Amino acid sequence: MDLLMILKAIILGLVEGVTEFAPVSSTGHMIIVDDMWLKSEEFLTKHGANTFKVVIQLGSILAVVVTFKDRFIEMLGLGRFIKHENPSQGRLKLSQVIVGLIPAGVLGVLFNDYIDEHLFSTKTVLIGLVIGAVFMILADIIGPKKPKTQTVDQITYGQAIAVGIFQCFSLWPGFSRSGSTISGGVLLGMSHRAAADFTFIMAVPIMAGASFLSLLKNWQYMTMDTLPFFIAGFISAFIFALLSIQFFLKLINKIKLLPFAIYRIVLALIIYIVFF
């Protein structure tokens, strides 16, 4: 495998890492790069290309685990040695994360085949990008100027399940998981940072579970010929996701969702011009 192929894997990992958790829809971006590159690579079968997407997604998930490692350790009951600035303050519980996963998890299982068959197309992604952008703009306008829930540790069970309901919108490709849940959290009285933290933490179990199951089914497509391509993509996705998550979390309370909504609309126009 030549250096050009490794460079393409790195760029694909960059696209995945930067867009997976930002509210801009990684699906919309991957459709573009998929048509540009993955479908043009003869050494990757259709299933091999899909397996590559799973591998680089795992790189992004690992970046979230590293960013929130203390919280995951604590939620698993292993955090008695972790020191907190405010030890008396309530902490986010694993049960709250599980509650948030239930709505989209149930609908995903019930309608998975329908979604795969009817909603994974350029047209549906374009619709999701635009409607999701409008939803994000409305959240910035309607959401309270002084949110009561400033940190993820102040989230209630009611807010957790409500955010989970908003997450159901992300089953429509292009709507964006983080776009729907952060917007929903803001409408529920959370700060943008609190909603983002909860979104990222909640994404790990559902994305990791789905990715590992997919990887087990398609393990045979990871051959010695394609392994350097997969490894380069995984490392690239991990590094760029780690950087983009930290950058995003530092700025989200200041810039809010409007810049991302504008970007989504521009992306939708690009997709329309390229594919239509």
C-alpha atoms as a PDB file:
ATOM      1  CA  MET A   1       0.000   0.000   0.000  1.00  0.00           C
ATOM      2  CA  ASP A   2       1.499   3.348  -1.058  1.00  0.00           C
ATOM      3  CA  LEU A   3       1.714   6.574   0.921  1.00  0.00           C
ATOM      4  CA  LEU A   4      -1.168   8.104  -1.041  1.00  0.00           C
ATOM      5  CA  MET A   5      -3.550   5.502   0.366  1.00  0.00           C
ATOM      6  CA  ILE A   6      -2.320   6.195   3.903  1.00  0.00           C
ATOM      7  CA  LEU A   7      -2.821   9.927   3.317  1.00  0.00           C
ATOM      8  CA  LYS A   8      -6.395   9.287   2.172  1.00  0.00           C
ATOM      9  CA  ALA A   9      -7.051   7.232   5.316  1.00  0.00           C
ATOM     10  CA  ILE A  10      -5.691  10.071   7.457  1.00  0.00           C
ATOM     11  CA  ILE A  11      -7.924  12.619   5.707  1.00  0.00           C
ATOM     12  CA  LEU A  12     -10.978  10.386   6.101  1.00  0.00           C
ATOM     13  CA  GLY A  13     -10.122   9.973   9.774  1.00  0.00           C
ATOM     14  CA  LEU A  14      -9.818  13.746  10.061  1.00  0.00           C
ATOM     15  CA  VAL A  15     -13.300  14.224   8.587  1.00  0.00           C
ATOM     16  CA  GLU A  16     -14.755  11.646  10.987  1.00  0.00           C
ATOM     17  CA  GLY A  17     -12.915  12.968  14.032  1.00  0.00           C
ATOM     18  CA  VAL A  18     -13.809  16.609  13.466  1.00  0.00           C
ATOM     19  CA  THR A  19     -17.466  16.071  12.547  1.00  0.00           C
ATOM     20  CA  GLU A  20     -18.610  13.103  14.662  1.00  0.00           C
ATOM     21  CA  PHE A  21     -19.387  15.091  17.805  1.00  0.00           C
ATOM     22  CA  ALA A  22     -19.771  18.610  16.455  1.00  0.00           C
ATOM     23  CA  PRO A  23     -23.414  19.417  15.590  1.00  0.00           C
ATOM     24  CA  VAL A  24     -22.739  19.417  11.837  1.00  0.00           C
ATOM     25  CA  SER A  25     -23.637  15.817  10.899  1.00  0.00           C
ATOM     26  CA  SER A  26     -20.779  13.421  10.279  1.00  0.00           C
ATOM     27  CA  THR A  27     -23.144  11.469   7.995  1.00  0.00           C
ATOM     28  CA  GLY A  28     -23.428  14.376   5.573  1.00  0.00           C
ATOM     29  CA  HIS A  29     -19.668  14.773   5.439  1.00  0.00           C
ATOM     30  CA  MET A  30     -18.959  11.068   5.077  1.00  0.00           C
ATOM     31  CA  ILE A  31     -21.377  10.822   2.159  1.00  0.00           C
ATOM     32  CA  ILE A  32     -19.288  13.389   0.299  1.00  0.00           C
ATOM     33  CA  VAL A  33     -15.914  11.767   1.047  1.00  0.00           C
ATOM     34  CA  ASP A  34     -17.389   8.311   0.476  1.00  0.00           C
ATOM     35  CA  ASP A  35     -18.390   9.247  -3.061  1.00  0.00           C
ATOM     36  CA  MET A  36     -15.049  10.973  -3.616  1.00  0.00           C
ATOM     37  CA  TRP A  37     -12.747   8.257  -2.293  1.00  0.00           C
ATOM     38  CA  LEU A  38     -14.044   5.117  -0.617  1.00  0.00           C
ATOM     39  CA  LYS A  39     -16.090   4.019  -3.618  1.00  0.00           C
ATOM     40  CA  SER A  40     -13.130   4.671  -5.875  1.00  0.00           C
ATOM     41  CA  GLU A  41     -10.721   2.429  -3.971  1.00  0.00           C
ATOM     42  CA  GLU A  42     -10.573  -0.930  -5.697  1.00  0.00           C
ATOM     43  CA  PHE A  43      -8.930  -2.701  -2.758  1.00  0.00           C
ATOM     44  CA  LEU A  44     -11.964  -1.933  -0.553  1.00  0.00           C
ATOM     45  CA  THR A  45     -15.171  -3.865  -1.166  1.00  0.00           C
ATOM     46  CA  LYS A  46     -18.487  -2.316  -0.172  1.00  0.00           C
ATOM     47  CA  HIS A  47     -18.339  -4.188   3.123  1.00  0.00           C
ATOM     48  CA  GLY A  48     -14.695  -3.226   3.556  1.00  0.00           C
ATOM     49  CA  ALA A  49     -15.567   0.454   3.146  1.00  0.00           C
ATOM     50  CA  ASN A  50     -18.341   0.127   5.722  1.00  0.00           C
ATOM     51  CA  THR A  51     -15.936  -1.630   8.096  1.00  0.00           C
ATOM     52  CA  PHE A  52     -13.445   1.220   7.684  1.00  0.00           C
ATOM     53  CA  LYS A  53     -16.145   3.695   8.719  1.00  0.00           C
ATOM     54  CA  VAL A  54     -16.788   1.634  11.856  1.00  0.00           C
ATOM     55  CA  VAL A  55     -13.067   1.529  12.684  1.00  0.00           C
ATOM     56  CA  ILE A  56     -12.594   5.291  12.423  1.00  0.00           C
ATOM     57  CA  GLN A  57     -15.778   5.830  14.441  1.00  0.00           C
ATOM     58  CA  LEU A  58     -14.213   3.753  17.211  1.00  0.00           C
ATOM     59  CA  GLY A  59     -11.271   6.156  17.104  1.00  0.00           C
ATOM     60  CA  SER A  60     -13.656   9.053  17.751  1.00  0.00           C
ATOM     61  CA  ILE A  61     -15.356   7.166  20.581  1.00  0.00           C
ATOM     62  CA  LEU A  62     -12.002   6.507  22.235  1.00  0.00           C
ATOM     63  CA  ALA A  63     -11.337  10.256  22.168  1.00  0.00           C
ATOM     64  CA  VAL A  64     -14.511  10.860  24.204  1.00  0.00           C
ATOM     65  CA  VAL A  65     -13.542   8.162  26.699  1.00  0.00           C
ATOM     66  CA  VAL A  66     -10.134   9.806  27.178  1.00  0.00           C
ATOM     67  CA  THR A  67     -11.691  13.280  27.550  1.00  0.00           C
ATOM     68  CA  PHE A  68     -14.211  12.127  30.163  1.00  0.00           C
ATOM     69  CA  LYS A  69     -12.182   9.268  31.664  1.00  0.00           C
ATOM     70  CA  ASP A  70     -12.684  10.385  35.275  1.00  0.00           C
ATOM     71  CA  ARG A  71     -16.444  10.530  34.844  1.00  0.00           C
ATOM     72  CA  PHE A  72     -16.620   7.088  33.262  1.00  0.00           C
ATOM     73  CA  ILE A  73     -14.433   5.640  36.013  1.00  0.00           C
ATOM     74  CA  GLU A  74     -16.710   7.186  38.626  1.00  0.00           C
ATOM     75  CA  MET A  75     -19.956   6.105  36.957  1.00  0.00           C
ATOM     76  CA  LEU A  76     -18.661   2.530  36.880  1.00  0.00           C
ATOM     77  CA  GLY A  77     -18.171   2.687  40.636  1.00  0.00           C
ATOM     78  CA  LEU A  78     -14.382   2.909  40.473  1.00  0.00           C
ATOM     79  CA  GLY A  79     -13.956   6.579  41.299  1.00  0.00           C
ATOM     80  CA  ARG A  80     -13.433   6.556  45.061  1.00  0.00           C
ATOM     81  CA  PHE A  81      -9.847   7.683  44.568  1.00  0.00           C
ATOM     82  CA  ILE A  82     -10.773  10.603  42.289  1.00  0.00           C
ATOM     83  CA  LYS A  83     -10.636  13.963  44.047  1.00  0.00           C
ATOM     84  CA  HIS A  84     -13.322  16.547  43.244  1.00  0.00           C
ATOM     85  CA  GLU A  85     -13.247  20.279  43.834  1.00  0.00           C
ATOM     86  CA  ASN A  86     -16.707  20.084  45.426  1.00  0.00           C
ATOM     87  CA  PRO A  87     -16.963  16.591  46.947  1.00  0.00           C
ATOM     88  CA  SER A  88     -20.414  17.289  48.402  1.00  0.00           C
ATOM     89  CA  GLN A  89     -21.841  18.157  45.001  1.00  0.00           C
ATOM     90  CA  GLY A  90     -24.056  15.595  43.276  1.00  0.00           C
ATOM     91  CA  ARG A  91     -22.482  13.811  40.332  1.00  0.00           C
ATOM     92  CA  LEU A  92     -23.883  12.531  37.041  1.00  0.00           C
ATOM     93  CA  LYS A  93     -25.030   8.934  37.491  1.00  0.00           C
ATOM     94  CA  LEU A  94     -24.786   5.993  35.110  1.00  0.00           C
ATOM     95  CA  SER A  95     -28.521   5.459  35.559  1.00  0.00           C
ATOM     96  CA  GLN A  96     -29.173   8.947  34.141  1.00  0.00           C
ATOM     97  CA  VAL A  97     -27.121   8.101  31.065  1.00  0.00           C
ATOM     98  CA  ILE A  98     -29.026   4.827  30.629  1.00  0.00           C
ATOM     99  CA  VAL A  99     -32.360   6.646  30.944  1.00  0.00           C
ATOM    100  CA  GLY A 100     -31.254   9.040  28.209  1.00  0.00           C
ATOM    101  CA  LEU A 101     -30.403   6.147  25.891  1.00  0.00           C
ATOM    102  CA  ILE A 102     -33.747   4.357  26.119  1.00  0.00           C
ATOM    103  CA  PRO A 103     -35.968   6.376  23.694  1.00  0.00           C
ATOM    104  CA  ALA A 104     -33.617   6.386  20.688  1.00  0.00           C
ATOM    105  CA  GLY A 105     -32.450   2.864  21.513  1.00  0.00           C
ATOM    106  CA  VAL A 106     -35.993   1.484  21.371  1.00  0.00           C
ATOM    107  CA  LEU A 107     -36.921   3.349  18.187  1.00  0.00           C
ATOM    108  CA  GLY A 108     -33.602   2.407  16.599  1.00  0.00           C
ATOM    109  CA  VAL A 109     -34.239  -1.301  17.179  1.00  0.00           C
ATOM    110  CA  LEU A 110     -37.839  -1.105  15.955  1.00  0.00           C
ATOM    111  CA  PHE A 111     -37.150   0.912  12.809  1.00  0.00           C
ATOM    112  CA  ASN A 112     -33.521   0.039  12.010  1.00  0.00           C
ATOM    113  CA  ASP A 113     -34.333  -1.839   8.800  1.00  0.00           C
ATOM    114  CA  TYR A 114     -36.691   0.907   7.585  1.00  0.00           C
ATOM    115  CA  ILE A 115     -34.105   3.608   8.304  1.00  0.00           C
ATOM    116  CA  ASP A 116     -31.350   1.702   6.481  1.00  0.00           C
ATOM    117  CA  GLU A 117     -33.594   1.032   3.486  1.00  0.00           C
ATOM    118  CA  HIS A 118     -35.355   4.370   3.071  1.00  0.00           C
ATOM    119  CA  LEU A 119     -33.464   7.156   4.854  1.00  0.00           C
ATOM    120  CA  PHE A 120     -29.812   6.690   3.899  1.00  0.00           C
ATOM    121  CA  SER A 121     -29.742   8.781   0.759  1.00  0.00           C
ATOM    122  CA  THR A 122     -28.326  12.122  -0.285  1.00  0.00           C
ATOM    123  CA  LYS A 123     -31.793  13.690  -0.387  1.00  0.00           C
ATOM    124  CA  THR A 124     -32.725  12.644   3.136  1.00  0.00           C
ATOM    125  CA  VAL A 125     -29.359  13.814   4.502  1.00  0.00           C
ATOM    126  CA  LEU A 126     -29.881  17.192   2.848  1.00  0.00           C
ATOM    127  CA  ILE A 127     -33.314  17.487   4.482  1.00  0.00           C
ATOM    128  CA  GLY A 128     -31.854  16.496   7.848  1.00  0.00           C
ATOM    129  CA  LEU A 129     -29.089  19.080   7.579  1.00  0.00           C
ATOM    130  CA  VAL A 130     -31.501  21.942   6.891  1.00  0.00           C
ATOM    131  CA  ILE A 131     -34.218  21.008   9.392  1.00  0.00           C
ATOM    132  CA  GLY A 132     -31.568  20.290  12.038  1.00  0.00           C
ATOM    133  CA  ALA A 133     -30.018  23.704  11.413  1.00  0.00           C
ATOM    134  CA  VAL A 134     -33.388  25.411  11.874  1.00  0.00           C
ATOM    135  CA  PHE A 135     -33.909  23.463  15.125  1.00  0.00           C
ATOM    136  CA  MET A 136     -30.514  24.610  16.408  1.00  0.00           C
ATOM    137  CA  ILE A 137     -31.252  28.252  15.582  1.00  0.00           C
ATOM    138  CA  LEU A 138     -34.596  28.016  17.391  1.00  0.00           C
ATOM    139  CA  ALA A 139     -32.871  26.509  20.441  1.00  0.00           C
ATOM    140  CA  ASP A 140     -30.485  29.474  20.631  1.00  0.00           C
ATOM    141  CA  ILE A 141     -33.392  31.927  20.294  1.00  0.00           C
ATOM    142  CA  ILE A 142     -35.936  30.242  22.571  1.00  0.00           C
ATOM    143  CA  GLY A 143     -33.582  28.754  25.177  1.00  0.00           C
ATOM    144  CA  PRO A 144     -33.262  30.639  28.490  1.00  0.00           C
ATOM    145  CA  LYS A 145     -30.572  33.303  28.642  1.00  0.00           C
ATOM    146  CA  LYS A 146     -29.599  32.205  32.140  1.00  0.00           C
ATOM    147  CA  PRO A 147     -29.936  28.401  32.256  1.00  0.00           C
ATOM    148  CA  LYS A 148     -30.629  26.832  35.639  1.00  0.00           C
ATOM    149  CA  THR A 149     -28.632  23.727  34.772  1.00  0.00           C
ATOM    150  CA  GLN A 150     -25.093  25.051  34.394  1.00  0.00           C
ATOM    151  CA  THR A 151     -23.168  21.779  34.657  1.00  0.00           C
ATOM    152  CA  VAL A 152     -23.778  18.183  33.664  1.00  0.00           C
ATOM    153  CA  ASP A 153     -23.868  17.217  37.367  1.00  0.00           C
ATOM    154  CA  GLN A 154     -27.057  19.262  37.826  1.00  0.00           C
ATOM    155  CA  ILE A 155     -29.033  17.346  35.188  1.00  0.00           C
ATOM    156  CA  THR A 156     -32.195  15.702  36.502  1.00  0.00           C
ATOM    157  CA  TYR A 157     -33.679  12.355  35.475  1.00  0.00           C
ATOM    158  CA  GLY A 158     -36.502  14.232  33.770  1.00  0.00           C
ATOM    159  CA  GLN A 159     -34.044  16.220  31.689  1.00  0.00           C
ATOM    160  CA  ALA A 160     -32.066  13.054  30.904  1.00  0.00           C
ATOM    161  CA  ILE A 161     -35.041  11.218  29.432  1.00  0.00           C
ATOM    162  CA  ALA A 162     -36.252  14.360  27.640  1.00  0.00           C
ATOM    163  CA  VAL A 163     -32.838  14.773  25.992  1.00  0.00           C
ATOM    164  CA  GLY A 164     -33.111  11.099  25.075  1.00  0.00           C
ATOM    165  CA  ILE A 165     -36.396  11.833  23.318  1.00  0.00           C
ATOM    166  CA  PHE A 166     -34.783  14.683  21.397  1.00  0.00           C
ATOM    167  CA  GLN A 167     -32.031  12.247  20.417  1.00  0.00           C
ATOM    168  CA  CYS A 168     -34.641  10.306  18.419  1.00  0.00           C
ATOM    169  CA  PHE A 169     -34.439  13.048  15.784  1.00  0.00           C
ATOM    170  CA  SER A 170     -30.886  11.898  15.067  1.00  0.00           C
ATOM    171  CA  LEU A 171     -32.219   8.619  13.688  1.00  0.00           C
ATOM    172  CA  TRP A 172     -32.900  10.704  10.572  1.00  0.00           C
ATOM    173  CA  PRO A 173     -29.488  10.797   8.811  1.00  0.00           C
ATOM    174  CA  GLY A 174     -28.092  14.303   8.588  1.00  0.00           C
ATOM    175  CA  PHE A 175     -29.993  15.632  11.597  1.00  0.00           C
ATOM    176  CA  SER A 176     -26.950  15.016  13.842  1.00  0.00           C
ATOM    177  CA  ARG A 177     -26.926  13.299  17.223  1.00  0.00           C
ATOM    178  CA  SER A 178     -25.146  16.153  18.984  1.00  0.00           C
ATOM    179  CA  GLY A 179     -27.204  18.755  17.138  1.00  0.00           C
ATOM    180  CA  SER A 180     -30.481  17.264  18.314  1.00  0.00           C
ATOM    181  CA  THR A 181     -29.429  16.548  21.899  1.00  0.00           C
ATOM    182  CA  ILE A 182     -27.561  19.792  22.579  1.00  0.00           C
ATOM    183  CA  SER A 183     -30.452  21.798  21.113  1.00  0.00           C
ATOM    184  CA  GLY A 184     -32.930  19.772  23.139  1.00  0.00           C
ATOM    185  CA  GLY A 185     -30.889  20.259  26.301  1.00  0.00           C
ATOM    186  CA  VAL A 186     -30.748  24.022  25.770  1.00  0.00           C
ATOM    187  CA  LEU A 187     -34.541  24.124  25.323  1.00  0.00           C
ATOM    188  CA  LEU A 188     -34.848  22.168  28.597  1.00  0.00           C
ATOM    189  CA  GLY A 189     -32.901  24.804  30.531  1.00  0.00           C
ATOM    190  CA  MET A 190     -29.352  23.476  30.295  1.00  0.00           C
ATOM    191  CA  SER A 191     -26.321  25.544  29.444  1.00  0.00           C
ATOM    192  CA  HIS A 192     -24.766  24.707  26.090  1.00  0.00           C
ATOM    193  CA  ARG A 193     -21.758  23.186  27.880  1.00  0.00           C
ATOM    194  CA  ALA A 194     -23.880  21.000  30.180  1.00  0.00           C
ATOM    195  CA  ALA A 195     -25.908  19.745  27.219  1.00  0.00           C
ATOM    196  CA  ALA A 196     -22.722  19.074  25.236  1.00  0.00           C
ATOM    197  CA  ASP A 197     -21.073  17.165  28.092  1.00  0.00           C
ATOM    198  CA  PHE A 198     -24.157  14.983  28.536  1.00  0.00           C
ATOM    199  CA  THR A 199     -24.394  14.443  24.769  1.00  0.00           C
ATOM    200  CA  PHE A 200     -20.800  13.227  24.483  1.00  0.00           C
ATOM    201  CA  ILE A 201     -21.004  10.965  27.542  1.00  0.00           C
ATOM    202  CA  MET A 202     -24.326   9.499  26.399  1.00  0.00           C
ATOM    203  CA  ALA A 203     -22.942   8.831  22.906  1.00  0.00           C
ATOM    204  CA  VAL A 204     -20.209   6.443  24.078  1.00  0.00           C
ATOM    205  CA  PRO A 205     -22.207   3.344  25.112  1.00  0.00           C
ATOM    206  CA  ILE A 206     -24.665   3.407  22.211  1.00  0.00           C
ATOM    207  CA  MET A 207     -22.033   4.166  19.553  1.00  0.00           C
ATOM    208  CA  ALA A 208     -19.464   1.761  20.994  1.00  0.00           C
ATOM    209  CA  GLY A 209     -22.030  -1.047  21.215  1.00  0.00           C
ATOM    210  CA  ALA A 210     -23.229  -0.566  17.646  1.00  0.00           C
ATOM    211  CA  SER A 211     -19.676  -0.234  16.327  1.00  0.00           C
ATOM    212  CA  PHE A 212     -18.368  -3.349  18.042  1.00  0.00           C
ATOM    213  CA  LEU A 213     -21.325  -5.431  16.812  1.00  0.00           C
ATOM    214  CA  SER A 214     -20.763  -4.192  13.275  1.00  0.00           C
ATOM    215  CA  LEU A 215     -17.046  -4.869  13.541  1.00  0.00           C
ATOM    216  CA  LEU A 216     -17.634  -8.440  14.717  1.00  0.00           C
ATOM    217  CA  LYS A 217     -19.882  -9.097  11.727  1.00  0.00           C
ATOM    218  CA  ASN A 218     -17.369  -7.662   9.243  1.00  0.00           C
ATOM    219  CA  TRP A 219     -14.080  -8.678  10.828  1.00  0.00           C
ATOM    220  CA  GLN A 220     -13.099 -10.743   7.768  1.00  0.00           C
ATOM    221  CA  TYR A 221     -12.818  -7.601   5.631  1.00  0.00           C
ATOM    222  CA  MET A 222      -9.822  -6.398   7.665  1.00  0.00           C
ATOM    223  CA  THR A 223      -7.074  -8.107   5.668  1.00  0.00           C
ATOM    224  CA  MET A 224      -3.304  -7.666   5.842  1.00  0.00           C
ATOM    225  CA  ASP A 225      -3.494  -5.587   2.657  1.00  0.00           C
ATOM    226  CA  THR A 226      -5.982  -3.102   4.104  1.00  0.00           C
ATOM    227  CA  LEU A 227      -4.775  -3.148   7.738  1.00  0.00           C
ATOM    228  CA  PRO A 228      -2.405  -0.125   7.381  1.00  0.00           C
ATOM    229  CA  PHE A 229      -5.331   1.839   5.874  1.00  0.00           C
ATOM    230  CA  PHE A 230      -7.554   0.952   8.844  1.00  0.00           C
ATOM    231  CA  ILE A 231      -4.867   1.718  11.437  1.00  0.00           C
ATOM    232  CA  ALA A 232      -4.033   5.106   9.880  1.00  0.00           C
ATOM    233  CA  GLY A 233      -7.723   6.050   9.793  1.00  0.00           C
ATOM    234  CA  PHE A 234      -8.278   4.965  13.405  1.00  0.00           C
ATOM    235  CA  ILE A 235      -5.311   6.946  14.750  1.00  0.00           C
ATOM    236  CA  SER A 236      -6.243   9.992  12.668  1.00  0.00           C
ATOM    237  CA  ALA A 237      -9.868   9.917  13.849  1.00  0.00           C
ATOM    238  CA  PHE A 238      -8.759   9.574  17.483  1.00  0.00           C
ATOM    239  CA  ILE A 239      -6.305  12.491  17.358  1.00  0.00           C
ATOM    240  CA  PHE A 240      -8.577  14.896  15.493  1.00  0.00           C
ATOM    241  CA  ALA A 241     -11.642  13.944  17.555  1.00  0.00           C
ATOM    242  CA  LEU A 242      -9.659  14.544  20.754  1.00  0.00           C
ATOM    243  CA  LEU A 243      -8.601  17.993  19.558  1.00  0.00           C
ATOM    244  CA  SER A 244     -12.021  18.966  18.205  1.00  0.00           C
ATOM    245  CA  ILE A 245     -13.881  17.838  21.349  1.00  0.00           C
ATOM    246  CA  GLN A 246     -11.620  19.891  23.616  1.00  0.00           C
ATOM    247  CA  PHE A 247     -11.874  22.896  21.302  1.00  0.00           C
ATOM    248  CA  PHE A 248     -15.657  22.547  21.051  1.00  0.00           C
ATOM    249  CA  LEU A 249     -16.234  22.227  24.803  1.00  0.00           C
ATOM    250  CA  LYS A 250     -14.144  25.326  25.545  1.00  0.00           C
ATOM    251  CA  LEU A 251     -16.100  27.489  23.118  1.00  0.00           C
ATOM    252  CA  ILE A 252     -19.667  26.156  23.052  1.00  0.00           C
ATOM    253  CA  ASN A 253     -21.011  28.429  25.841  1.00  0.00           C
ATOM    254  CA  LYS A 254     -19.598  31.458  23.992  1.00  0.00           C
ATOM    255  CA  ILE A 255     -20.389  30.736  20.346  1.00  0.00           C
ATOM    256  CA  LYS A 256     -23.528  28.622  20.964  1.00  0.00           C
ATOM    257  CA  LEU A 257     -25.144  26.789  18.034  1.00  0.00           C
ATOM    258  CA  LEU A 258     -25.713  29.481  15.408  1.00  0.00           C
ATOM    259  CA  PRO A 259     -22.292  29.179  13.645  1.00  0.00           C
ATOM    260  CA  PHE A 260     -22.790  25.429  13.287  1.00  0.00           C
ATOM    261  CA  ALA A 261     -26.321  25.924  11.964  1.00  0.00           C
ATOM    262  CA  ILE A 262     -25.048  28.325   9.296  1.00  0.00           C
ATOM    263  CA  TYR A 263     -22.317  25.846   8.349  1.00  0.00           C
ATOM    264  CA  ARG A 264     -24.923  23.065   7.988  1.00  0.00           C
ATOM    265  CA  ILE A 265     -26.997  25.183   5.616  1.00  0.00           C
ATOM    266  CA  VAL A 266     -23.901  25.928   3.539  1.00  0.00           C
ATOM    267  CA  LEU A 267     -23.041  22.210   3.508  1.00  0.00           C
ATOM    268  CA  ALA A 268     -26.572  21.386   2.372  1.00  0.00           C
ATOM    269  CA  LEU A 269     -26.174  23.823  -0.524  1.00  0.00           C
ATOM    270  CA  ILE A 270     -22.868  22.186  -1.471  1.00  0.00           C
ATOM    271  CA  ILE A 271     -24.448  18.728  -1.385  1.00  0.00           C
ATOM    272  CA  TYR A 272     -27.333  19.987  -3.515  1.00  0.00           C
ATOM    273  CA  ILE A 273     -24.975  21.515  -6.087  1.00  0.00           C
ATOM    274  CA  VAL A 274     -22.700  18.437  -6.213  1.00  0.00           C
ATOM    275  CA  PHE A 275     -25.391  15.749  -6.355  1.00  0.00           C
ATOM    276  CA  PHE A 276     -28.288  17.530  -8.064  1.00  0.00           C
END
